[in-house]
Amino acid sequence: MRGVKRVAVVLAVLIVALVVVAFVLENQRNVSLSFLGFATGQAPASVFIVGAFIVGMLIGPLLGALFRNRRRKAVAAGRI
């Protein structure tokens, strides 16, 4: 059973990698972003989108862990 899970995970990772490569190859037009007065230089659109995706993948679990710890402490203290 463990071997099947491992194969499934490897296949899922390969599919995601192929989708990302296809996305990057399709979005090569140079763009410039501006947000709250800050502007970036010219870069392919895929660079900004994949960068935002990676930042979200890093921040999401960190916030989840933070809120999970706060909830555990609140439950332990009898507040919930």
PDB file of N, CA and C in Angstrom:
ATOM      1  N   MET A   1       0.821  -1.197   0.000  1.00  0.00           N
ATOM      2  CA  MET A   1       0.000   0.000   0.000  1.00  0.00           C
ATOM      3  C   MET A   1       0.866   1.262   0.000  1.00  0.00           C
ATOM      4  N   ARG A   2       1.973   1.201   0.732  1.00  0.00           N
ATOM      5  CA  ARG A   2       2.860   2.356   0.795  1.00  0.00           C
ATOM      6  C   ARG A   2       3.483   2.655  -0.555  1.00  0.00           C
ATOM      7  N   GLY A   3       3.783   1.588  -1.306  1.00  0.00           N
ATOM      8  CA  GLY A   3       4.365   1.769  -2.629  1.00  0.00           C
ATOM      9  C   GLY A   3       3.393   2.440  -3.586  1.00  0.00           C
ATOM     10  N   VAL A   4       2.103   2.112  -3.463  1.00  0.00           N
ATOM     11  CA  VAL A   4       1.085   2.721  -4.315  1.00  0.00           C
ATOM     12  C   VAL A   4       0.976   4.210  -4.009  1.00  0.00           C
ATOM     13  N   LYS A   5       1.003   4.567  -2.741  1.00  0.00           N
ATOM     14  CA  LYS A   5       0.945   5.978  -2.351  1.00  0.00           C
ATOM     15  C   LYS A   5       2.151   6.734  -2.882  1.00  0.00           C
ATOM     16  N   ARG A   6       3.300   6.112  -2.807  1.00  0.00           N
ATOM     17  CA  ARG A   6       4.522   6.754  -3.277  1.00  0.00           C
ATOM     18  C   ARG A   6       4.454   7.009  -4.784  1.00  0.00           C
ATOM     19  N   VAL A   7       3.973   6.020  -5.532  1.00  0.00           N
ATOM     20  CA  VAL A   7       3.831   6.171  -6.976  1.00  0.00           C
ATOM     21  C   VAL A   7       2.818   7.265  -7.293  1.00  0.00           C
ATOM     22  N   ALA A   8       1.716   7.302  -6.540  1.00  0.00           N
ATOM     23  CA  ALA A   8       0.695   8.330  -6.757  1.00  0.00           C
ATOM     24  C   ALA A   8       1.262   9.722  -6.500  1.00  0.00           C
ATOM     25  N   VAL A   9       2.046   9.880  -5.462  1.00  0.00           N
ATOM     26  CA  VAL A   9       2.647  11.177  -5.142  1.00  0.00           C
ATOM     27  C   VAL A   9       3.627  11.582  -6.241  1.00  0.00           C
ATOM     28  N   VAL A  10       4.444  10.650  -6.698  1.00  0.00           N
ATOM     29  CA  VAL A  10       5.411  10.952  -7.762  1.00  0.00           C
ATOM     30  C   VAL A  10       4.675  11.368  -9.033  1.00  0.00           C
ATOM     31  N   LEU A  11       3.610  10.655  -9.385  1.00  0.00           N
ATOM     32  CA  LEU A  11       2.834  11.015 -10.572  1.00  0.00           C
ATOM     33  C   LEU A  11       2.193  12.390 -10.418  1.00  0.00           C
ATOM     34  N   ALA A  12       1.659  12.675  -9.239  1.00  0.00           N
ATOM     35  CA  ALA A  12       1.047  13.988  -9.004  1.00  0.00           C
ATOM     36  C   ALA A  12       2.082  15.099  -9.135  1.00  0.00           C
ATOM     37  N   VAL A  13       3.255  14.900  -8.592  1.00  0.00           N
ATOM     38  CA  VAL A  13       4.318  15.906  -8.680  1.00  0.00           C
ATOM     39  C   VAL A  13       4.744  16.104 -10.137  1.00  0.00           C
ATOM     40  N   LEU A  14       4.860  15.019 -10.878  1.00  0.00           N
ATOM     41  CA  LEU A  14       5.233  15.133 -12.295  1.00  0.00           C
ATOM     42  C   LEU A  14       4.164  15.874 -13.095  1.00  0.00           C
ATOM     43  N   ILE A  15       2.899  15.611 -12.816  1.00  0.00           N
ATOM     44  CA  ILE A  15       1.819  16.301 -13.517  1.00  0.00           C
ATOM     45  C   ILE A  15       1.845  17.790 -13.199  1.00  0.00           C
ATOM     46  N   VAL A  16       2.026  18.127 -11.925  1.00  0.00           N
ATOM     47  CA  VAL A  16       2.099  19.541 -11.544  1.00  0.00           C
ATOM     48  C   VAL A  16       3.303  20.212 -12.210  1.00  0.00           C
ATOM     49  N   ALA A  17       4.430  19.527 -12.246  1.00  0.00           N
ATOM     50  CA  ALA A  17       5.619  20.092 -12.889  1.00  0.00           C
ATOM     51  C   ALA A  17       5.378  20.328 -14.375  1.00  0.00           C
ATOM     52  N   LEU A  18       4.722  19.400 -15.040  1.00  0.00           N
ATOM     53  CA  LEU A  18       4.422  19.576 -16.462  1.00  0.00           C
ATOM     54  C   LEU A  18       3.462  20.738 -16.693  1.00  0.00           C
ATOM     55  N   VAL A  19       2.479  20.886 -15.824  1.00  0.00           N
ATOM     56  CA  VAL A  19       1.537  22.000 -15.947  1.00  0.00           C
ATOM     57  C   VAL A  19       2.270  23.328 -15.750  1.00  0.00           C
ATOM     58  N   VAL A  20       3.163  23.393 -14.778  1.00  0.00           N
ATOM     59  CA  VAL A  20       3.921  24.626 -14.537  1.00  0.00           C
ATOM     60  C   VAL A  20       4.807  24.954 -15.736  1.00  0.00           C
ATOM     61  N   VAL A  21       5.471  23.951 -16.296  1.00  0.00           N
ATOM     62  CA  VAL A  21       6.329  24.186 -17.464  1.00  0.00           C
ATOM     63  C   VAL A  21       5.488  24.682 -18.635  1.00  0.00           C
ATOM     64  N   ALA A  22       4.341  24.060 -18.868  1.00  0.00           N
ATOM     65  CA  ALA A  22       3.462  24.500 -19.956  1.00  0.00           C
ATOM     66  C   ALA A  22       2.988  25.934 -19.716  1.00  0.00           C
ATOM     67  N   PHE A  23       2.653  26.251 -18.479  1.00  0.00           N
ATOM     68  CA  PHE A  23       2.204  27.597 -18.132  1.00  0.00           C
ATOM     69  C   PHE A  23       3.293  28.626 -18.408  1.00  0.00           C
ATOM     70  N   VAL A  24       4.501  28.312 -17.992  1.00  0.00           N
ATOM     71  CA  VAL A  24       5.623  29.233 -18.191  1.00  0.00           C
ATOM     72  C   VAL A  24       5.890  29.434 -19.685  1.00  0.00           C
ATOM     73  N   LEU A  25       5.818  28.370 -20.451  1.00  0.00           N
ATOM     74  CA  LEU A  25       6.076  28.488 -21.889  1.00  0.00           C
ATOM     75  C   LEU A  25       4.987  29.279 -22.607  1.00  0.00           C
ATOM     76  N   GLU A  26       3.764  29.249 -22.098  1.00  0.00           N
ATOM     77  CA  GLU A  26       2.655  29.972 -22.724  1.00  0.00           C
ATOM     78  C   GLU A  26       2.597  31.446 -22.318  1.00  0.00           C
ATOM     79  N   ASN A  27       3.233  31.837 -21.240  1.00  0.00           N
ATOM     80  CA  ASN A  27       3.141  33.201 -20.714  1.00  0.00           C
ATOM     81  C   ASN A  27       4.506  33.888 -20.730  1.00  0.00           C
ATOM     82  N   GLN A  28       5.016  34.127 -21.915  1.00  0.00           N
ATOM     83  CA  GLN A  28       6.335  34.728 -22.069  1.00  0.00           C
ATOM     84  C   GLN A  28       6.296  36.223 -22.356  1.00  0.00           C
ATOM     85  N   ARG A  29       5.117  36.816 -22.441  1.00  0.00           N
ATOM     86  CA  ARG A  29       5.018  38.255 -22.719  1.00  0.00           C
ATOM     87  C   ARG A  29       5.548  39.038 -21.521  1.00  0.00           C
ATOM     88  N   ASN A  30       6.383  40.032 -21.789  1.00  0.00           N
ATOM     89  CA  ASN A  30       6.941  40.851 -20.717  1.00  0.00           C
ATOM     90  C   ASN A  30       5.898  41.833 -20.196  1.00  0.00           C
ATOM     91  N   VAL A  31       5.822  41.937 -18.887  1.00  0.00           N
ATOM     92  CA  VAL A  31       4.901  42.866 -18.240  1.00  0.00           C
ATOM     93  C   VAL A  31       5.634  43.575 -17.111  1.00  0.00           C
ATOM     94  N   SER A  32       5.048  44.669 -16.660  1.00  0.00           N
ATOM     95  CA  SER A  32       5.547  45.398 -15.504  1.00  0.00           C
ATOM     96  C   SER A  32       4.392  45.524 -14.521  1.00  0.00           C
ATOM     97  N   LEU A  33       4.634  45.238 -13.263  1.00  0.00           N
ATOM     98  CA  LEU A  33       3.592  45.330 -12.251  1.00  0.00           C
ATOM     99  C   LEU A  33       3.800  46.557 -11.384  1.00  0.00           C
ATOM    100  N   SER A  34       2.695  47.148 -10.959  1.00  0.00           N
ATOM    101  CA  SER A  34       2.772  48.233  -9.980  1.00  0.00           C
ATOM    102  C   SER A  34       1.705  47.975  -8.925  1.00  0.00           C
ATOM    103  N   PHE A  35       2.087  48.167  -7.666  1.00  0.00           N
ATOM    104  CA  PHE A  35       1.187  47.907  -6.543  1.00  0.00           C
ATOM    105  C   PHE A  35       1.549  48.848  -5.411  1.00  0.00           C
ATOM    106  N   LEU A  36       0.598  49.636  -4.972  1.00  0.00           N
ATOM    107  CA  LEU A  36       0.789  50.579  -3.866  1.00  0.00           C
ATOM    108  C   LEU A  36       1.998  51.491  -4.091  1.00  0.00           C
ATOM    109  N   GLY A  37       2.169  51.929  -5.313  1.00  0.00           N
ATOM    110  CA  GLY A  37       3.252  52.851  -5.610  1.00  0.00           C
ATOM    111  C   GLY A  37       4.575  52.194  -5.941  1.00  0.00           C
ATOM    112  N   PHE A  38       4.686  50.899  -5.749  1.00  0.00           N
ATOM    113  CA  PHE A  38       5.911  50.186  -6.090  1.00  0.00           C
ATOM    114  C   PHE A  38       5.758  49.588  -7.478  1.00  0.00           C
ATOM    115  N   ALA A  39       6.790  49.693  -8.285  1.00  0.00           N
ATOM    116  CA  ALA A  39       6.749  49.156  -9.646  1.00  0.00           C
ATOM    117  C   ALA A  39       7.929  48.204  -9.844  1.00  0.00           C
ATOM    118  N   THR A  40       7.692  47.205 -10.667  1.00  0.00           N
ATOM    119  CA  THR A  40       8.742  46.240 -10.987  1.00  0.00           C
ATOM    120  C   THR A  40       9.263  46.521 -12.387  1.00  0.00           C
ATOM    121  N   GLY A  41      10.362  45.914 -12.702  1.00  0.00           N
ATOM    122  CA  GLY A  41      10.890  45.998 -14.057  1.00  0.00           C
ATOM    123  C   GLY A  41      10.128  45.049 -14.974  1.00  0.00           C
ATOM    124  N   GLN A  42      10.503  45.024 -16.219  1.00  0.00           N
ATOM    125  CA  GLN A  42       9.886  44.129 -17.187  1.00  0.00           C
ATOM    126  C   GLN A  42      10.351  42.693 -16.946  1.00  0.00           C
ATOM    127  N   ALA A  43       9.399  41.780 -16.898  1.00  0.00           N
ATOM    128  CA  ALA A  43       9.692  40.354 -16.761  1.00  0.00           C
ATOM    129  C   ALA A  43       8.517  39.578 -17.344  1.00  0.00           C
ATOM    130  N   PRO A  44       8.740  38.322 -17.719  1.00  0.00           N
ATOM    131  CA  PRO A  44       7.620  37.529 -18.221  1.00  0.00           C
ATOM    132  C   PRO A  44       6.509  37.406 -17.171  1.00  0.00           C
ATOM    133  N   ALA A  45       5.272  37.387 -17.621  1.00  0.00           N
ATOM    134  CA  ALA A  45       4.126  37.303 -16.710  1.00  0.00           C
ATOM    135  C   ALA A  45       4.204  36.055 -15.838  1.00  0.00           C
ATOM    136  N   SER A  46       4.722  34.976 -16.401  1.00  0.00           N
ATOM    137  CA  SER A  46       4.791  33.726 -15.647  1.00  0.00           C
ATOM    138  C   SER A  46       5.695  33.844 -14.418  1.00  0.00           C
ATOM    139  N   VAL A  47       6.700  34.693 -14.484  1.00  0.00           N
ATOM    140  CA  VAL A  47       7.601  34.868 -13.338  1.00  0.00           C
ATOM    141  C   VAL A  47       6.828  35.433 -12.149  1.00  0.00           C
ATOM    142  N   PHE A  48       5.999  36.441 -12.402  1.00  0.00           N
ATOM    143  CA  PHE A  48       5.230  37.041 -11.315  1.00  0.00           C
ATOM    144  C   PHE A  48       4.175  36.083 -10.771  1.00  0.00           C
ATOM    145  N   ILE A  49       3.516  35.366 -11.657  1.00  0.00           N
ATOM    146  CA  ILE A  49       2.442  34.472 -11.222  1.00  0.00           C
ATOM    147  C   ILE A  49       2.992  33.278 -10.459  1.00  0.00           C
ATOM    148  N   VAL A  50       4.045  32.660 -10.970  1.00  0.00           N
ATOM    149  CA  VAL A  50       4.652  31.526 -10.269  1.00  0.00           C
ATOM    150  C   VAL A  50       5.256  32.003  -8.947  1.00  0.00           C
ATOM    151  N   GLY A  51       5.848  33.191  -8.929  1.00  0.00           N
ATOM    152  CA  GLY A  51       6.373  33.742  -7.670  1.00  0.00           C
ATOM    153  C   GLY A  51       5.284  33.945  -6.640  1.00  0.00           C
ATOM    154  N   ALA A  52       4.141  34.480  -7.068  1.00  0.00           N
ATOM    155  CA  ALA A  52       3.023  34.669  -6.142  1.00  0.00           C
ATOM    156  C   ALA A  52       2.501  33.325  -5.642  1.00  0.00           C
ATOM    157  N   PHE A  53       2.475  32.328  -6.507  1.00  0.00           N
ATOM    158  CA  PHE A  53       2.041  30.986  -6.119  1.00  0.00           C
ATOM    159  C   PHE A  53       2.970  30.406  -5.062  1.00  0.00           C
ATOM    160  N   ILE A  54       4.263  30.547  -5.250  1.00  0.00           N
ATOM    161  CA  ILE A  54       5.233  30.010  -4.293  1.00  0.00           C
ATOM    162  C   ILE A  54       5.128  30.738  -2.953  1.00  0.00           C
ATOM    163  N   VAL A  55       5.001  32.055  -2.980  1.00  0.00           N
ATOM    164  CA  VAL A  55       4.842  32.815  -1.731  1.00  0.00           C
ATOM    165  C   VAL A  55       3.580  32.363  -0.997  1.00  0.00           C
ATOM    166  N   GLY A  56       2.496  32.158  -1.735  1.00  0.00           N
ATOM    167  CA  GLY A  56       1.264  31.679  -1.116  1.00  0.00           C
ATOM    168  C   GLY A  56       1.412  30.293  -0.519  1.00  0.00           C
ATOM    169  N   MET A  57       2.170  29.434  -1.206  1.00  0.00           N
ATOM    170  CA  MET A  57       2.401  28.092  -0.680  1.00  0.00           C
ATOM    171  C   MET A  57       3.239  28.125   0.597  1.00  0.00           C
ATOM    172  N   LEU A  58       4.059  29.132   0.767  1.00  0.00           N
ATOM    173  CA  LEU A  58       4.872  29.252   1.977  1.00  0.00           C
ATOM    174  C   LEU A  58       4.088  29.901   3.113  1.00  0.00           C
ATOM    175  N   ILE A  59       3.330  30.944   2.807  1.00  0.00           N
ATOM    176  CA  ILE A  59       2.601  31.685   3.839  1.00  0.00           C
ATOM    177  C   ILE A  59       1.403  30.898   4.357  1.00  0.00           C
ATOM    178  N   GLY A  60       0.696  30.199   3.471  1.00  0.00           N
ATOM    179  CA  GLY A  60      -0.505  29.459   3.869  1.00  0.00           C
ATOM    180  C   GLY A  60      -0.265  28.474   5.001  1.00  0.00           C
ATOM    181  N   PRO A  61       0.673  27.545   4.858  1.00  0.00           N
ATOM    182  CA  PRO A  61       0.931  26.595   5.948  1.00  0.00           C
ATOM    183  C   PRO A  61       1.442  27.266   7.221  1.00  0.00           C
ATOM    184  N   LEU A  62       2.217  28.344   7.083  1.00  0.00           N
ATOM    185  CA  LEU A  62       2.709  29.035   8.276  1.00  0.00           C
ATOM    186  C   LEU A  62       1.546  29.648   9.063  1.00  0.00           C
ATOM    187  N   LEU A  63       0.620  30.290   8.346  1.00  0.00           N
ATOM    188  CA  LEU A  63      -0.547  30.854   9.029  1.00  0.00           C
ATOM    189  C   LEU A  63      -1.427  29.759   9.616  1.00  0.00           C
ATOM    190  N   GLY A  64      -1.573  28.654   8.887  1.00  0.00           N
ATOM    191  CA  GLY A  64      -2.354  27.531   9.401  1.00  0.00           C
ATOM    192  C   GLY A  64      -1.772  26.989  10.689  1.00  0.00           C
ATOM    193  N   ALA A  65      -0.465  26.826  10.732  1.00  0.00           N
ATOM    194  CA  ALA A  65       0.192  26.334  11.941  1.00  0.00           C
ATOM    195  C   ALA A  65       0.043  27.325  13.086  1.00  0.00           C
ATOM    196  N   LEU A  66       0.142  28.607  12.789  1.00  0.00           N
ATOM    197  CA  LEU A  66      -0.009  29.637  13.821  1.00  0.00           C
ATOM    198  C   LEU A  66      -1.403  29.587  14.446  1.00  0.00           C
ATOM    199  N   PHE A  67      -2.428  29.552  13.597  1.00  0.00           N
ATOM    200  CA  PHE A  67      -3.790  29.520  14.112  1.00  0.00           C
ATOM    201  C   PHE A  67      -4.115  28.198  14.797  1.00  0.00           C
ATOM    202  N   ARG A  68      -3.530  27.102  14.323  1.00  0.00           N
ATOM    203  CA  ARG A  68      -3.742  25.802  14.955  1.00  0.00           C
ATOM    204  C   ARG A  68      -3.168  25.815  16.370  1.00  0.00           C
ATOM    205  N   ASN A  69      -1.969  26.395  16.526  1.00  0.00           N
ATOM    206  CA  ASN A  69      -1.356  26.471  17.854  1.00  0.00           C
ATOM    207  C   ASN A  69      -2.175  27.352  18.787  1.00  0.00           C
ATOM    208  N   ARG A  70      -2.675  28.481  18.282  1.00  0.00           N
ATOM    209  CA  ARG A  70      -3.504  29.356  19.116  1.00  0.00           C
ATOM    210  C   ARG A  70      -4.775  28.647  19.556  1.00  0.00           C
ATOM    211  N   ARG A  71      -5.381  27.891  18.649  1.00  0.00           N
ATOM    212  CA  ARG A  71      -6.611  27.170  18.985  1.00  0.00           C
ATOM    213  C   ARG A  71      -6.334  26.087  20.027  1.00  0.00           C
ATOM    214  N   ARG A  72      -5.230  25.365  19.866  1.00  0.00           N
ATOM    215  CA  ARG A  72      -4.884  24.327  20.849  1.00  0.00           C
ATOM    216  C   ARG A  72      -4.688  24.928  22.232  1.00  0.00           C
ATOM    217  N   LYS A  73      -4.010  26.073  22.286  1.00  0.00           N
ATOM    218  CA  LYS A  73      -3.792  26.727  23.577  1.00  0.00           C
ATOM    219  C   LYS A  73      -5.107  27.194  24.183  1.00  0.00           C
ATOM    220  N   ALA A  74      -6.010  27.693  23.342  1.00  0.00           N
ATOM    221  CA  ALA A  74      -7.308  28.156  23.833  1.00  0.00           C
ATOM    222  C   ALA A  74      -8.129  26.978  24.336  1.00  0.00           C
ATOM    223  N   VAL A  75      -8.086  25.859  23.650  1.00  0.00           N
ATOM    224  CA  VAL A  75      -8.827  24.672  24.088  1.00  0.00           C
ATOM    225  C   VAL A  75      -8.250  24.154  25.387  1.00  0.00           C
ATOM    226  N   ALA A  76      -6.925  24.147  25.492  1.00  0.00           N
ATOM    227  CA  ALA A  76      -6.268  23.664  26.711  1.00  0.00           C
ATOM    228  C   ALA A  76      -6.596  24.556  27.907  1.00  0.00           C
ATOM    229  N   ALA A  77      -6.772  25.849  27.654  1.00  0.00           N
ATOM    230  CA  ALA A  77      -7.072  26.793  28.731  1.00  0.00           C
ATOM    231  C   ALA A  77      -8.567  26.794  29.074  1.00  0.00           C
ATOM    232  N   GLY A  78      -9.356  26.075  28.294  1.00  0.00           N
ATOM    233  CA  GLY A  78     -10.789  25.999  28.565  1.00  0.00           C
ATOM    234  C   GLY A  78     -11.583  27.164  28.048  1.00  0.00           C
ATOM    235  N   ARG A  79     -11.016  27.960  27.157  1.00  0.00           N
ATOM    236  CA  ARG A  79     -11.733  29.110  26.613  1.00  0.00           C
ATOM    237  C   ARG A  79     -12.668  28.724  25.477  1.00  0.00           C
ATOM    238  N   ILE A  80     -12.469  27.555  24.890  1.00  0.00           N
ATOM    239  CA  ILE A  80     -13.357  27.136  23.789  1.00  0.00           C
ATOM    240  C   ILE A  80     -14.036  25.856  24.186  1.00  0.00           C
TER     241      ILE A  80
END
